[in-house]
Amino acid sequence: MSRSGLVMVLAVLIMAVVPSFARAQNRGNFDPAQFRQQRMDRIKEQLGSSDDEWKVLQPKIDKVMEVQRLSFAGFGGGRGGRGPGGGGGQDNQPTTPMAKASADLRTTLENKDAPADEIAKKLTALREAREKARAELTAAQKELKEVLTQRQEAVLVTNGMLE
């Protein structure tokens, strides 16, 4: 390979590696508020909302996003519903009914000798928490759909925010 060919290959490799390295370095500086704002800005743009329209839509979209986050609590993290979407607070204790019910069931299951009726009780509590979370999500989605155009609804369905 000629010297100029080698320089070209090295330049391409550097161009490919540097952005990946920069992204990896910035992961430690993740700002959830900034991420959320960027997501909301993208949604506003995708919906084609005016500023006045956005004043009506944003609180309803916020509500759907929050209920979605809470309804997945208990599924995302490890023990006790911790981790992304797990509903864990600063002390890593579950903070949502869903996360608490999930953590309680996991704790019960850790005891290999747990009585069947105790397992059944914890399982019922988790199912009830899930059902309540689904109902809250359905209500928030319904409220949002009432103020959307057909195009906006379709955009939010493709984004996974609406059914």
Protein backbone atom coordinates (compact mmCIF):
# COMPACT_ATOMS: atom_id res chain seq x y z
CA MET A 1 0.00 0.00 0.00
CA SER A 2 1.31 3.43 -0.88
CA ARG A 3 1.99 6.06 1.75
CA SER A 4 -0.97 8.17 0.59
CA GLY A 5 -3.22 5.10 0.75
CA LEU A 6 -2.08 4.38 4.28
CA VAL A 7 -2.70 7.99 5.30
CA MET A 8 -6.22 7.75 3.80
CA VAL A 9 -6.99 4.53 5.70
CA LEU A 10 -5.74 6.06 8.96
CA ALA A 11 -7.81 9.20 8.38
CA VAL A 12 -10.96 7.13 7.82
CA LEU A 13 -10.28 5.07 10.94
CA ILE A 14 -9.73 8.19 13.04
CA MET A 15 -12.96 9.72 11.71
CA ALA A 16 -14.81 6.54 12.68
CA VAL A 17 -13.24 6.09 16.13
CA VAL A 18 -13.17 9.66 17.47
CA PRO A 19 -16.98 10.19 17.55
CA SER A 20 -17.46 6.84 19.30
CA PHE A 21 -14.80 7.72 21.84
CA ALA A 22 -16.37 11.14 22.45
CA ARG A 23 -19.79 9.55 22.99
CA ALA A 24 -18.30 7.05 25.45
CA GLN A 25 -16.59 9.88 27.35
CA ASN A 26 -19.84 11.87 27.57
CA ARG A 27 -21.90 8.99 28.98
CA GLY A 28 -20.65 9.87 32.44
CA ASN A 29 -22.07 13.37 31.97
CA PHE A 30 -25.62 12.23 31.15
CA ASP A 31 -28.16 14.90 32.08
CA PRO A 32 -31.69 13.47 32.28
CA ALA A 33 -33.29 16.92 32.18
CA GLN A 34 -31.40 17.81 29.03
CA PHE A 35 -32.28 14.47 27.45
CA ARG A 36 -35.96 14.96 28.33
CA GLN A 37 -35.97 18.50 26.90
CA GLN A 38 -34.35 17.29 23.67
CA ARG A 39 -36.98 14.56 23.41
CA MET A 40 -39.80 17.05 23.97
CA ASP A 41 -38.31 19.39 21.34
CA ARG A 42 -38.20 16.50 18.83
CA ILE A 43 -41.81 15.57 19.61
CA LYS A 44 -42.95 19.18 19.18
CA GLU A 45 -41.16 19.34 15.85
CA GLN A 46 -42.56 15.98 14.68
CA LEU A 47 -46.08 17.07 15.61
CA GLY A 48 -45.66 20.36 13.78
CA SER A 49 -47.07 22.19 16.79
CA SER A 50 -47.20 25.95 17.10
CA ASP A 51 -46.11 27.44 20.42
CA ASP A 52 -49.76 28.02 21.40
CA GLU A 53 -50.74 24.48 20.48
CA TRP A 54 -47.72 23.12 22.36
CA LYS A 55 -48.91 24.85 25.55
CA VAL A 56 -51.96 22.58 25.42
CA LEU A 57 -50.18 19.42 24.23
CA GLN A 58 -47.05 19.46 26.37
CA PRO A 59 -48.69 18.86 29.78
CA LYS A 60 -50.73 15.98 28.34
CA ILE A 61 -47.66 14.48 26.68
CA ASP A 62 -45.73 14.92 29.95
CA LYS A 63 -48.47 13.07 31.79
CA VAL A 64 -48.46 10.15 29.33
CA MET A 65 -44.67 9.90 29.49
CA GLU A 66 -44.67 9.96 33.30
CA VAL A 67 -47.43 7.35 33.59
CA GLN A 68 -45.61 5.16 31.05
CA ARG A 69 -42.42 5.45 33.06
CA LEU A 70 -44.20 4.59 36.30
CA SER A 71 -46.15 1.73 34.75
CA PHE A 72 -42.90 0.05 33.75
CA ALA A 73 -41.43 0.50 37.22
CA GLY A 74 -40.50 -2.85 38.65
CA PHE A 75 -39.56 -4.29 35.27
CA GLY A 76 -36.47 -2.28 34.35
CA GLY A 77 -34.04 -2.80 37.15
CA GLY A 78 -32.70 -5.53 39.26
CA ARG A 79 -33.88 -6.43 42.72
CA GLY A 80 -36.43 -4.14 44.29
CA GLY A 81 -37.33 -2.46 41.03
CA ARG A 82 -34.14 -0.44 40.92
CA GLY A 83 -32.44 0.72 37.78
CA PRO A 84 -33.76 2.46 34.68
CA GLY A 85 -37.50 2.73 35.00
CA GLY A 86 -37.41 0.71 38.18
CA GLY A 87 -38.98 3.32 40.40
CA GLY A 88 -36.12 3.32 42.90
CA GLY A 89 -35.50 6.43 44.96
CA GLN A 90 -32.17 7.77 46.18
CA ASP A 91 -31.93 4.99 48.75
CA ASN A 92 -32.76 2.48 45.97
CA GLN A 93 -36.06 1.56 47.58
CA PRO A 94 -39.05 1.11 45.26
CA THR A 95 -41.08 4.31 45.13
CA THR A 96 -44.07 3.31 43.01
CA PRO A 97 -46.81 0.80 43.80
CA MET A 98 -45.70 -1.26 40.80
CA ALA A 99 -42.05 -1.33 41.88
CA LYS A 100 -42.99 -2.11 45.49
CA ALA A 101 -45.28 -4.99 44.51
CA SER A 102 -42.62 -6.37 42.17
CA ALA A 103 -39.92 -6.11 44.85
CA ASP A 104 -42.19 -7.74 47.43
CA LEU A 105 -42.86 -10.68 45.12
CA ARG A 106 -39.16 -11.10 44.31
CA THR A 107 -38.31 -11.02 48.02
CA THR A 108 -40.93 -13.67 48.72
CA LEU A 109 -39.62 -15.83 45.87
CA GLU A 110 -36.09 -15.67 47.28
CA ASN A 111 -37.39 -17.79 50.15
CA LYS A 112 -37.53 -21.21 48.53
CA ASP A 113 -39.85 -22.35 51.31
CA ALA A 114 -42.33 -19.47 50.97
CA PRO A 115 -45.89 -20.72 51.43
CA ALA A 116 -48.02 -20.83 48.29
CA ASP A 117 -50.65 -18.55 49.83
CA GLU A 118 -48.01 -15.86 50.51
CA ILE A 119 -46.76 -16.11 46.92
CA ALA A 120 -50.35 -15.90 45.67
CA LYS A 121 -50.99 -12.80 47.79
CA LYS A 122 -47.87 -11.03 46.44
CA LEU A 123 -48.68 -12.10 42.88
CA THR A 124 -52.21 -10.71 43.21
CA ALA A 125 -50.84 -7.42 44.55
CA LEU A 126 -48.49 -7.13 41.57
CA ARG A 127 -51.27 -7.90 39.10
CA GLU A 128 -53.50 -5.30 40.75
CA ALA A 129 -50.72 -2.68 40.61
CA ARG A 130 -50.17 -3.49 36.92
CA GLU A 131 -53.88 -3.18 36.18
CA LYS A 132 -54.08 0.16 37.98
CA ALA A 133 -51.04 1.41 36.04
CA ARG A 134 -52.62 0.28 32.76
CA ALA A 135 -55.86 2.10 33.62
CA GLU A 136 -53.95 5.29 34.46
CA LEU A 137 -52.02 5.05 31.19
CA THR A 138 -55.20 4.45 29.18
CA ALA A 139 -56.85 7.49 30.79
CA ALA A 140 -53.82 9.73 30.14
CA GLN A 141 -53.61 8.54 26.52
CA LYS A 142 -57.34 9.15 26.01
CA GLU A 143 -57.01 12.68 27.37
CA LEU A 144 -54.10 13.36 25.01
CA LYS A 145 -55.87 11.90 21.96
CA GLU A 146 -58.78 14.27 22.51
CA VAL A 147 -56.63 17.28 21.55
CA LEU A 148 -54.63 15.78 18.67
CA THR A 149 -55.11 15.95 14.94
CA GLN A 150 -55.14 12.63 13.08
CA ARG A 151 -51.57 13.25 11.87
CA GLN A 152 -50.34 14.07 15.39
CA GLU A 153 -51.99 10.96 16.77
CA ALA A 154 -50.27 8.85 14.13
CA VAL A 155 -46.90 10.43 14.98
CA LEU A 156 -47.35 9.59 18.66
CA VAL A 157 -48.45 6.03 17.86
CA THR A 158 -45.27 5.52 15.84
CA ASN A 159 -43.27 6.95 18.76
CA GLY A 160 -44.82 4.41 21.13
CA MET A 161 -46.60 7.04 23.20
CA LEU A 162 -50.12 6.00 22.11
CA GLU A 163 -51.71 2.68 21.29
